Protein backbone atom coordinates (compact mmCIF):
# COMPACT_ATOMS: atom_id res chain seq x y z
CA MET A 1 96.72 172.21 17.79
CA ARG A 2 100.52 172.59 17.67
CA THR A 3 100.97 170.38 14.57
CA ILE A 4 98.55 172.64 12.88
CA ILE A 5 100.26 175.46 13.51
CA ALA A 6 103.80 173.98 12.58
CA VAL A 7 102.53 173.16 9.54
CA PHE A 8 100.79 176.61 8.64
CA THR A 9 104.36 177.90 9.52
CA VAL A 10 106.52 175.90 7.37
CA LEU A 11 103.46 176.46 4.55
CA ALA A 12 103.73 180.39 5.09
CA LEU A 13 107.42 180.30 5.22
CA SER A 14 107.84 178.20 1.79
CA LEU A 15 105.61 180.48 -0.30
CA ALA A 16 107.69 183.60 1.14
CA ALA A 17 110.56 182.05 0.23
CA ALA A 18 109.32 181.15 -3.31
CA ALA A 19 107.81 184.45 -3.94
CA GLU A 20 111.10 186.20 -3.43
CA GLU A 21 113.06 183.97 -5.92
CA GLN A 22 113.81 185.26 -9.11
CA PRO A 23 113.87 183.77 -11.98
CA ILE A 24 117.29 182.92 -13.55
CA ASP A 25 117.49 184.24 -17.06
CA LEU A 26 120.59 182.63 -18.59
CA LYS A 27 121.86 184.15 -22.01
CA LYS A 28 120.01 181.61 -24.86
CA ALA A 29 122.49 179.81 -26.78
CA PRO A 30 123.75 176.19 -27.59
CA GLY A 31 124.09 174.12 -24.49
CA LEU A 32 121.91 175.93 -22.23
CA ASP A 33 119.43 172.93 -22.18
CA LYS A 34 122.01 170.83 -20.68
CA VAL A 35 123.21 173.73 -18.42
CA GLU A 36 119.43 173.82 -17.11
CA GLY A 37 119.50 170.32 -17.37
CA ASN A 38 122.00 169.09 -15.34
CA CYS A 39 123.25 171.86 -13.14
CA GLY A 40 120.45 173.23 -12.26
CA SER A 41 119.74 169.93 -10.47
CA CYS A 42 122.04 169.91 -8.01
CA HIS A 43 122.43 173.81 -7.68
CA THR A 44 121.00 177.89 -8.36
CA LEU A 45 122.29 178.54 -12.06
CA ASP A 46 122.95 182.13 -9.84
CA TYR A 47 126.34 180.80 -9.39
CA ILE A 48 126.96 181.29 -13.18
CA GLN A 49 126.14 184.99 -13.39
CA MET A 50 127.38 185.64 -9.96
CA ASN A 51 131.06 184.10 -11.18
CA SER A 52 130.77 185.00 -15.00
CA PRO A 53 133.32 188.25 -14.81
CA TYR A 54 135.99 186.15 -13.65
CA PRO A 55 136.31 182.77 -14.81
CA ASN A 56 138.70 182.16 -18.33
CA ALA A 57 138.13 178.67 -20.65
CA ALA A 58 140.36 176.55 -18.15
CA LEU A 59 138.34 177.82 -15.04
CA TRP A 60 134.97 176.56 -16.46
CA ASP A 61 136.45 173.51 -17.66
CA ALA A 62 138.02 173.09 -14.40
CA GLU A 63 134.43 173.66 -12.69
CA VAL A 64 132.56 171.34 -15.04
CA ASN A 65 135.22 168.60 -14.28
CA LYS A 66 134.89 169.39 -10.42
CA MET A 67 131.32 168.64 -10.48
CA ILE A 68 131.51 165.55 -12.23
CA LYS A 69 134.80 163.92 -10.29
CA VAL A 70 134.44 165.57 -6.86
CA TYR A 71 130.53 166.16 -6.45
CA GLY A 72 129.96 162.78 -8.53
CA ALA A 73 127.22 164.69 -11.03
CA PRO A 74 125.93 161.92 -13.34
CA ILE A 75 126.65 164.43 -16.67
CA THR A 76 127.74 162.41 -19.87
CA ASP A 77 130.89 163.21 -21.40
CA ALA A 78 128.41 164.69 -24.26
CA ASP A 79 126.85 167.23 -22.30
CA ALA A 80 130.02 167.94 -19.99
CA LYS A 81 131.43 168.97 -23.51
CA ALA A 82 128.28 171.42 -24.18
CA ILE A 83 128.05 172.98 -20.96
CA ALA A 84 131.82 173.86 -20.82
CA GLU A 85 131.71 175.50 -24.28
CA TYR A 86 128.11 177.42 -23.50
CA LEU A 87 130.07 178.34 -20.34
CA LYS A 88 133.21 179.79 -21.65
CA LYS A 89 131.44 181.50 -24.81
CA ASN A 90 128.62 183.23 -22.88
CA TYR A 91 130.57 183.37 -19.25
CA GLY A 92 133.95 183.20 -19.99
CA SER A 93 136.69 186.36 -19.59
């Protein structure tokens, strides 16, 4: 009986969390598919919008580089370049 209650509790909490999650609407531009496919597979894309007023081009380059070198994100060089360009053009200062 406890197992059934625990399963229903987890399901109820999961549904509530999913219902509250808002879709991320990033700017439509070249490279968006690379951002969604690579960045979105490891973390929420909210980070881009939350940080967007502050990073300049050098900081976006550093962030993309950090994701690859420090966190081990499996991003190809071509995708990393497309992601950095997208972020700099659409969310840079």
